[in-house]
Amino acid sequence: MRTVVVVGASLAGLRAAETLRQDGYDGRIVLVGAEDRLPYDRPPLSKQLLAGKVDADQVSLCPPDRLEGLDLDLELGRRATALDLDAREVVLDDRDRTAFDALIIATGASPRHLPGVPPLEGIHLLRTLDDCLAIRADLERIVVGGGRAVVVGAGFIGSEVAATCHMAGAAVTVLEALATPLSKALGEQMGSACATLHYDNGVDLRLGTGVSGFRGQHRVEGVLLADGTIVEADLVVVGVGVRPNTDWLESSGLTLKDGVVCDATGHAAPNVVAAGDVARWYNPLFDTEMRVEHWTNAAEGGIAAARALLAGPEKAEPYAPVPYFWSDQYKSKIQFVGHVHHSDEVRVVDGSVEDRKFLALYEHAGRVVGALGFSKPKLVLQCRRLIAERVSVDEAVVQLG
């Protein structure tokens, strides 16, 4: 194995490349990235960078001197367009072919588009650093001029953007198609708890609301709702979920199902592994397939994928993490560990939902499988260990004290 190609130059791809070097691999590593930028961190895009609290150069994941130590062949600003498994080559957008002995797929995910969005200034998606800077420029303009920001989608990214815009001084409306935001991720009860944060802070959250169009000449001036109502808007951010970047793999022969399907070790084929948002793998800890779109899984998954590649499919250890994510909204830190099943029972075991400071445990098949905390960071991190140990909810309550 003399050449490893890593497709995806964000967190998962970088952690994979770092791990290869740290674990003794001294061959060639080619890092392919669609953006013409060195790897950078994405969580600040909807929070600190959007708020102007940090600058673009402060979100770098790898200082230049450290990057030089990894001895990578960088192919930035180049998009992978196809994979030829028989020839062991990745095809790039200029039809160049990059040969590999082993491949790490870490192409992440891209925001979903609303159908029929007109080419008006002021309508944005948020995925890249450039997206964030464009939104920030419009946000600064409407804060000074007294305009309104509209966020379409009350998921975690949309809610973070809404909170950041509100804290910056903008009037904010959030439009959510579901009757309860985040119900698919957290269940109805805890999704409702997340909704209350918007109400508490005076944000206009409208649930069960569909968007049917936009109004404006050159810049957006309003959002047309399914019921015919028009919401005035000087800035619109669309956050209606993401889809894994697998289009370039359609003819590869790999199994694709809302991501690259892998075994428990992350292998999608011999000497081919996937990591981060794009990977769908079997997690033996929860006895289910999963695809996780959060920062921690990208970091841990990149490390696991590199080690699985070095070990080979027969000796690689299963990747069985307890997923973890966090979201900073208004003055609350929301954290979740585990994996939610729709049939889970939810029990608040510390604090109260009414005070917006609590810990809730999710129970499935007699064991704790998830924990949601509002401003309960220490307890949430303890729960990550308890979930890994497969303890019951009652035992978890005892150990949490």
Protein backbone atom coordinates (compact mmCIF):
# COMPACT_ATOMS: atom_id res chain seq x y z
CA MET A 1 0.00 0.00 0.00
CA ARG A 2 2.12 2.84 -1.30
CA THR A 3 -0.56 5.41 -2.22
CA VAL A 4 -3.63 6.30 -0.17
CA VAL A 5 -6.09 8.77 -1.68
CA VAL A 6 -8.35 10.64 0.73
CA VAL A 7 -11.31 12.27 -1.02
CA GLY A 8 -12.65 15.03 1.21
CA ALA A 9 -10.48 17.71 2.80
CA SER A 10 -12.59 18.53 5.82
CA LEU A 11 -12.48 17.15 9.38
CA ALA A 12 -12.92 13.42 8.65
CA GLY A 13 -10.43 13.41 5.78
CA LEU A 14 -7.84 15.40 7.73
CA ARG A 15 -8.14 13.21 10.83
CA ALA A 16 -7.74 10.13 8.63
CA ALA A 17 -4.58 11.53 7.05
CA GLU A 18 -3.17 12.52 10.45
CA THR A 19 -3.86 9.04 11.84
CA LEU A 20 -2.16 7.31 8.94
CA ARG A 21 1.01 9.25 9.71
CA GLN A 22 0.75 8.87 13.48
CA ASP A 23 0.32 5.10 13.11
CA GLY A 24 3.42 4.75 10.97
CA TYR A 25 2.25 4.88 7.36
CA ASP A 26 5.09 6.44 5.34
CA GLY A 27 3.73 6.12 1.81
CA ARG A 28 2.11 8.75 -0.36
CA ILE A 29 -1.13 10.42 0.82
CA VAL A 30 -3.16 12.43 -1.68
CA LEU A 31 -5.78 14.71 -0.12
CA VAL A 32 -8.47 15.81 -2.58
CA GLY A 33 -10.77 18.70 -1.64
CA ALA A 34 -13.51 20.42 -3.65
CA GLU A 35 -12.91 23.76 -1.93
CA ASP A 36 -9.84 25.82 -2.70
CA ARG A 37 -9.05 26.11 1.02
CA LEU A 38 -7.04 24.23 3.61
CA PRO A 39 -9.20 22.17 6.01
CA TYR A 40 -11.24 24.30 8.39
CA ASP A 41 -13.76 23.78 11.19
CA ARG A 42 -17.47 23.99 10.35
CA PRO A 43 -19.32 24.35 13.71
CA PRO A 44 -18.23 28.02 14.09
CA LEU A 45 -19.89 28.86 10.77
CA SER A 46 -23.37 29.03 12.31
CA LYS A 47 -22.16 30.53 15.57
CA GLN A 48 -18.93 32.43 16.30
CA LEU A 49 -17.87 33.20 12.72
CA LEU A 50 -21.38 34.23 11.68
CA ALA A 51 -21.58 36.45 14.75
CA GLY A 52 -18.26 38.08 13.92
CA LYS A 53 -16.66 36.85 17.14
CA VAL A 54 -13.84 35.08 15.26
CA ASP A 55 -12.20 35.70 11.90
CA ALA A 56 -11.95 33.29 8.99
CA ASP A 57 -8.31 32.46 9.71
CA GLN A 58 -9.23 31.36 13.23
CA VAL A 59 -11.30 28.36 12.09
CA SER A 60 -8.40 26.51 10.47
CA LEU A 61 -8.10 22.85 11.48
CA CYS A 62 -4.43 22.58 10.66
CA PRO A 63 -1.75 25.30 10.85
CA PRO A 64 0.56 25.36 7.82
CA ASP A 65 3.61 24.07 9.75
CA ARG A 66 1.65 21.10 11.07
CA LEU A 67 0.25 20.42 7.61
CA GLU A 68 3.77 20.36 6.18
CA GLY A 69 4.70 17.70 8.70
CA LEU A 70 2.02 15.39 7.30
CA ASP A 71 3.72 15.39 3.87
CA LEU A 72 0.48 15.40 1.90
CA ASP A 73 -0.02 15.82 -1.83
CA LEU A 74 -2.78 18.43 -1.80
CA GLU A 75 -5.32 18.53 -4.59
CA LEU A 76 -7.51 21.42 -3.44
CA GLY A 77 -10.16 23.10 -5.55
CA ARG A 78 -10.67 19.83 -7.40
CA ARG A 79 -13.81 17.73 -7.20
CA ALA A 80 -13.92 13.94 -7.52
CA THR A 81 -16.39 13.04 -10.28
CA ALA A 82 -16.11 9.25 -10.51
CA LEU A 83 -14.49 6.18 -8.99
CA ASP A 84 -13.07 3.36 -11.10
CA LEU A 85 -12.63 0.48 -8.68
CA ASP A 86 -11.31 -1.94 -11.31
CA ALA A 87 -8.53 0.45 -12.33
CA ARG A 88 -8.11 1.70 -8.72
CA GLU A 89 -8.42 5.31 -9.82
CA VAL A 90 -10.31 8.42 -8.73
CA VAL A 91 -11.46 10.62 -11.62
CA LEU A 92 -11.26 14.37 -11.00
CA ASP A 93 -13.29 17.16 -12.56
CA ASP A 94 -10.72 17.84 -15.27
CA ARG A 95 -10.77 14.13 -16.18
CA ASP A 96 -7.38 13.55 -14.59
CA ARG A 97 -7.10 10.16 -12.93
CA THR A 98 -5.40 9.65 -9.58
CA ALA A 99 -4.32 6.07 -8.90
CA PHE A 100 -4.55 4.55 -5.42
CA ASP A 101 -3.78 1.38 -3.55
CA ALA A 102 -6.27 2.34 -0.84
CA LEU A 103 -9.08 4.90 -0.68
CA ILE A 104 -10.73 6.86 2.13
CA ILE A 105 -14.07 8.41 1.18
CA ALA A 106 -14.81 11.46 3.32
CA THR A 107 -16.83 13.69 0.98
CA GLY A 108 -19.33 14.76 3.63
CA ALA A 109 -22.77 16.10 2.80
CA SER A 110 -24.32 19.12 1.08
CA PRO A 111 -27.37 21.22 1.99
CA ARG A 112 -30.64 20.25 0.42
CA HIS A 113 -32.17 22.83 -1.92
CA LEU A 114 -35.74 24.03 -1.91
CA PRO A 115 -37.29 23.60 -5.36
CA GLY A 116 -37.75 26.66 -7.54
CA VAL A 117 -35.63 29.13 -5.58
CA PRO A 118 -35.08 32.20 -7.80
CA PRO A 119 -31.61 33.73 -8.27
CA LEU A 120 -32.24 36.60 -5.87
CA GLU A 121 -29.52 38.16 -3.75
CA GLY A 122 -29.96 37.54 -0.05
CA ILE A 123 -31.06 33.87 -0.25
CA HIS A 124 -28.38 31.59 1.19
CA LEU A 125 -27.44 28.04 2.06
CA LEU A 126 -24.84 27.45 4.77
CA ARG A 127 -22.15 24.85 4.25
CA THR A 128 -18.87 26.55 3.40
CA LEU A 129 -16.81 29.33 4.89
CA ASP A 130 -17.66 31.52 1.89
CA ASP A 131 -21.37 30.87 2.52
CA CYS A 132 -20.94 32.04 6.10
CA LEU A 133 -19.11 35.23 5.13
CA ALA A 134 -21.81 36.10 2.61
CA ILE A 135 -24.55 35.59 5.22
CA ARG A 136 -22.58 37.62 7.76
CA ALA A 137 -22.29 40.54 5.34
CA ASP A 138 -26.06 40.53 4.78
CA LEU A 139 -26.72 40.14 8.51
CA GLU A 140 -24.56 43.16 9.34
CA ARG A 141 -26.45 45.17 6.73
CA ILE A 142 -29.93 44.32 8.06
CA VAL A 143 -28.92 44.86 11.69
CA VAL A 144 -27.90 48.41 10.80
CA GLY A 145 -30.92 48.96 8.57
CA GLY A 146 -33.52 47.28 10.75
CA GLY A 147 -34.38 44.43 8.36
CA ARG A 148 -35.71 40.94 9.02
CA ALA A 149 -33.95 37.59 8.74
CA VAL A 150 -35.99 34.51 7.80
CA VAL A 151 -34.65 31.02 8.45
CA VAL A 152 -36.32 28.15 6.64
CA GLY A 153 -35.95 25.04 8.77
CA ALA A 154 -35.75 24.68 12.56
CA GLY A 155 -33.22 21.87 12.70
CA PHE A 156 -29.97 22.35 14.56
CA ILE A 157 -28.23 24.42 11.89
CA GLY A 158 -31.30 26.55 11.21
CA SER A 159 -31.88 27.08 14.92
CA GLU A 160 -28.26 28.07 15.50
CA VAL A 161 -28.41 30.56 12.63
CA ALA A 162 -31.67 31.96 13.99
CA ALA A 163 -30.19 32.32 17.47
CA THR A 164 -27.04 34.00 16.13
CA CYS A 165 -29.05 36.45 14.02
CA HIS A 166 -31.29 37.25 16.99
CA MET A 167 -28.34 37.79 19.32
CA ALA A 168 -26.79 40.10 16.71
CA GLY A 169 -29.87 42.30 16.91
CA ALA A 170 -31.94 41.23 13.89
CA ALA A 171 -35.64 40.49 13.90
CA VAL A 172 -35.97 36.78 13.07
CA THR A 173 -38.71 34.51 11.75
CA VAL A 174 -38.19 30.74 11.62
CA LEU A 175 -40.36 28.66 9.29
CA GLU A 176 -40.61 24.92 9.99
CA ALA A 177 -42.64 22.43 7.95
CA LEU A 178 -43.00 19.95 10.82
CA ALA A 179 -45.49 20.39 13.63
CA THR A 180 -42.64 19.85 16.10
CA PRO A 181 -39.06 20.82 15.25
CA LEU A 182 -36.39 18.13 15.61
CA SER A 183 -39.02 15.47 16.30
CA LYS A 184 -37.20 12.98 14.07
CA ALA A 185 -33.91 13.52 15.90
CA LEU A 186 -35.16 13.90 19.48
CA GLY A 187 -38.81 12.84 19.60
CA GLU A 188 -41.91 14.99 20.04
CA GLN A 189 -41.45 15.86 23.72
CA MET A 190 -37.85 17.02 23.48
CA GLY A 191 -38.42 18.64 20.09
CA SER A 192 -41.05 20.81 21.77
CA ALA A 193 -38.50 21.73 24.44
CA CYS A 194 -36.17 22.98 21.71
CA ALA A 195 -39.00 25.03 20.20
CA THR A 196 -39.52 26.86 23.49
CA LEU A 197 -36.04 28.38 23.26
CA HIS A 198 -37.16 30.38 20.22
CA TYR A 199 -40.34 31.49 21.95
CA ASP A 200 -38.45 32.42 25.12
CA ASN A 201 -36.24 34.76 23.13
CA GLY A 202 -38.98 36.45 21.17
CA VAL A 203 -38.21 34.77 17.84
CA ASP A 204 -41.21 34.29 15.55
CA LEU A 205 -41.28 30.49 15.16
CA ARG A 206 -44.02 29.22 12.83
CA LEU A 207 -44.60 25.47 12.84
CA GLY A 208 -46.38 23.36 10.25
CA THR A 209 -45.54 26.05 7.72
CA GLY A 210 -44.64 25.30 4.11
CA VAL A 211 -42.74 27.62 1.79
CA SER A 212 -44.04 27.93 -1.77
CA GLY A 213 -41.92 30.77 -3.18
CA PHE A 214 -39.97 33.99 -2.78
CA ARG A 215 -40.66 37.60 -3.72
CA GLY A 216 -38.31 40.33 -4.86
CA GLN A 217 -36.72 42.00 -7.89
CA HIS A 218 -32.95 41.78 -7.50
CA ARG A 219 -32.85 41.07 -3.77
CA VAL A 220 -35.22 38.95 -1.76
CA GLU A 221 -38.05 40.95 -0.22
CA GLY A 222 -40.34 38.25 1.11
CA VAL A 223 -41.09 34.54 1.54
CA LEU A 224 -44.41 33.23 0.20
CA LEU A 225 -45.98 30.61 2.44
CA ALA A 226 -48.21 27.75 1.36
CA ASP A 227 -51.27 29.50 2.82
CA GLY A 228 -50.64 32.61 0.70
CA THR A 229 -49.09 34.67 3.49
CA ILE A 230 -45.97 36.68 2.69
CA VAL A 231 -43.31 37.09 5.38
CA GLU A 232 -41.09 40.11 4.82
CA ALA A 233 -37.43 39.14 4.46
CA ASP A 234 -34.19 40.99 3.81
CA LEU A 235 -32.08 37.89 4.43
CA VAL A 236 -33.10 34.25 3.99
CA VAL A 237 -31.09 31.23 5.13
CA VAL A 238 -32.39 27.83 4.01
CA GLY A 239 -31.54 24.97 6.36
CA VAL A 240 -33.72 22.00 5.43
CA GLY A 241 -31.24 19.19 5.96
CA VAL A 242 -28.37 17.71 3.99
CA ARG A 243 -27.73 14.82 1.63
CA PRO A 244 -24.52 12.78 1.52
CA ASN A 245 -22.16 13.56 -1.35
CA THR A 246 -22.30 10.27 -3.21
CA ASP A 247 -23.23 11.37 -6.75
CA TRP A 248 -19.65 10.81 -7.91
CA LEU A 249 -19.92 7.17 -6.79
CA GLU A 250 -23.08 6.25 -8.73
CA SER A 251 -21.21 4.13 -11.30
CA SER A 252 -18.55 2.82 -8.91
CA GLY A 253 -20.20 -0.43 -7.91
CA LEU A 254 -20.21 0.52 -4.22
CA THR A 255 -23.49 0.07 -2.37
CA LEU A 256 -25.17 3.43 -1.83
CA LYS A 257 -28.17 3.97 0.46
CA ASP A 258 -28.37 7.48 1.84
CA GLY A 259 -24.58 7.28 2.11
CA VAL A 260 -21.83 4.79 1.38
CA VAL A 261 -22.82 1.46 2.93
CA CYS A 262 -20.00 -0.03 5.01
CA ASP A 263 -19.54 -2.96 7.35
CA ALA A 264 -18.95 -2.52 11.07
CA THR A 265 -15.28 -1.62 10.47
CA GLY A 266 -16.01 1.07 7.91
CA HIS A 267 -15.02 -0.98 4.85
CA ALA A 268 -17.15 -0.40 1.75
CA ALA A 269 -14.92 -2.65 -0.41
CA PRO A 270 -11.43 -4.16 -0.10
CA ASN A 271 -9.01 -1.31 0.73
CA VAL A 272 -11.87 1.21 0.53
CA VAL A 273 -13.27 2.81 3.69
CA ALA A 274 -15.64 5.70 4.37
CA ALA A 275 -15.87 8.16 7.25
CA GLY A 276 -17.89 11.11 8.46
CA ASP A 277 -21.23 12.35 7.13
CA VAL A 278 -21.03 10.21 3.99
CA ALA A 279 -20.60 6.85 5.73
CA ARG A 280 -23.47 4.51 6.62
CA TRP A 281 -22.16 1.67 8.75
CA TYR A 282 -23.39 -1.01 11.12
CA ASN A 283 -22.86 0.05 14.73
CA PRO A 284 -22.85 -3.09 16.91
CA LEU A 285 -23.38 -1.09 20.09
CA PHE A 286 -26.90 -0.18 18.93
CA ASP A 287 -27.38 -3.18 16.60
CA THR A 288 -28.36 -0.95 13.69
CA GLU A 289 -27.07 0.86 10.63
CA MET A 290 -26.53 4.58 11.11
CA ARG A 291 -25.25 7.66 9.36
CA VAL A 292 -24.24 10.51 11.65
CA GLU A 293 -23.77 14.10 10.51
CA HIS A 294 -22.05 15.63 13.51
CA TRP A 295 -18.54 16.91 14.27
CA THR A 296 -17.54 14.23 16.77
CA ASN A 297 -18.39 11.40 14.41
CA ALA A 298 -16.37 13.03 11.63
CA ALA A 299 -13.34 13.28 13.91
CA GLU A 300 -13.64 9.84 15.49
CA GLY A 301 -14.76 8.22 12.25
CA GLY A 302 -11.78 9.57 10.33
CA ILE A 303 -9.42 8.08 12.90
CA ALA A 304 -11.26 4.74 12.90
CA ALA A 305 -11.34 4.55 9.10
CA ALA A 306 -7.59 5.10 8.81
CA ARG A 307 -6.86 2.41 11.39
CA ALA A 308 -9.29 0.00 9.75
CA LEU A 309 -7.52 0.56 6.45
CA LEU A 310 -4.12 -0.16 7.97
CA ALA A 311 -5.40 -3.26 9.76
CA GLY A 312 -7.39 -4.67 6.85
CA PRO A 313 -11.03 -5.89 6.92
CA GLU A 314 -10.24 -9.14 8.74
CA LYS A 315 -8.30 -7.58 11.63
CA ALA A 316 -9.96 -4.18 11.89
CA GLU A 317 -12.01 -3.52 15.01
CA PRO A 318 -15.68 -2.57 14.70
CA TYR A 319 -16.40 1.14 14.91
CA ALA A 320 -18.94 1.28 17.76
CA PRO A 321 -19.09 4.83 19.12
CA VAL A 322 -21.76 6.50 21.19
CA PRO A 323 -22.67 9.43 18.88
CA TYR A 324 -22.37 12.87 20.44
CA PHE A 325 -23.34 16.33 19.29
CA TRP A 326 -23.92 19.75 20.75
CA SER A 327 -25.70 22.92 19.71
CA ASP A 328 -25.32 26.41 21.17
CA GLN A 329 -28.57 28.35 20.96
CA TYR A 330 -29.21 31.66 22.69
CA LYS A 331 -27.85 31.10 26.21
CA SER A 332 -28.37 27.33 26.25
CA LYS A 333 -25.96 24.51 25.45
CA ILE A 334 -27.87 21.56 24.05
CA GLN A 335 -26.02 18.22 24.06
CA PHE A 336 -27.10 14.76 23.00
CA VAL A 337 -25.38 11.39 23.26
CA GLY A 338 -26.60 8.09 21.89
CA HIS A 339 -29.06 7.03 19.22
CA VAL A 340 -32.82 7.63 19.22
CA HIS A 341 -35.39 5.02 18.25
CA HIS A 342 -38.92 6.23 17.55
CA SER A 343 -40.29 3.88 20.22
CA ASP A 344 -38.00 5.17 22.98
CA GLU A 345 -39.43 6.21 26.31
CA VAL A 346 -38.06 9.53 27.57
CA ARG A 347 -37.62 10.35 31.24
CA VAL A 348 -36.42 13.67 32.71
CA VAL A 349 -34.13 12.62 35.58
CA ASP A 350 -32.51 15.92 36.57
CA GLY A 351 -33.80 19.49 36.52
CA SER A 352 -36.93 20.52 34.68
CA VAL A 353 -37.96 21.30 31.12
CA GLU A 354 -39.73 24.41 32.37
CA ASP A 355 -36.46 25.85 33.69
CA ARG A 356 -34.67 25.00 30.39
CA LYS A 357 -32.03 23.19 32.42
CA PHE A 358 -32.47 19.43 32.55
CA LEU A 359 -31.23 15.96 31.65
CA ALA A 360 -33.51 13.47 29.89
CA LEU A 361 -32.72 9.79 29.32
CA TYR A 362 -33.99 7.67 26.43
CA GLU A 363 -34.80 4.01 27.13
CA HIS A 364 -34.99 1.25 24.52
CA ALA A 365 -35.16 -2.52 25.08
CA GLY A 366 -34.42 -2.12 28.77
CA ARG A 367 -31.28 0.02 28.51
CA VAL A 368 -30.40 3.67 28.25
CA VAL A 369 -29.64 4.49 24.61
CA GLY A 370 -29.62 8.28 24.64
CA ALA A 371 -29.37 11.36 26.81
CA LEU A 372 -30.33 14.96 26.09
CA GLY A 373 -29.07 17.77 28.25
CA PHE A 374 -29.93 21.45 28.35
CA SER A 375 -26.99 23.15 30.09
CA LYS A 376 -26.00 19.90 31.86
CA PRO A 377 -22.58 19.23 30.28
CA LYS A 378 -21.05 17.09 33.02
CA LEU A 379 -24.04 14.77 33.27
CA VAL A 380 -24.28 14.35 29.50
CA LEU A 381 -20.66 13.27 29.22
CA GLN A 382 -21.17 10.77 32.04
CA CYS A 383 -24.11 9.36 30.10
CA ARG A 384 -21.91 8.68 27.10
CA ARG A 385 -19.97 6.18 29.21
CA LEU A 386 -23.15 4.65 30.67
CA ILE A 387 -24.62 4.11 27.21
CA ALA A 388 -21.43 2.37 26.11
CA GLU A 389 -21.72 0.11 29.17
CA ARG A 390 -25.33 -0.79 28.21
CA VAL A 391 -26.75 0.01 31.64
CA SER A 392 -30.46 0.32 32.42
CA VAL A 393 -32.08 3.71 32.96
CA ASP A 394 -32.56 2.94 36.67
CA GLU A 395 -28.87 2.06 37.04
CA ALA A 396 -27.92 5.18 35.11
CA VAL A 397 -29.97 7.32 37.49
CA VAL A 398 -28.18 5.75 40.47
CA GLN A 399 -24.72 6.31 38.97
CA LEU A 400 -25.54 9.89 38.00
CA GLY A 401 -26.37 10.54 41.63
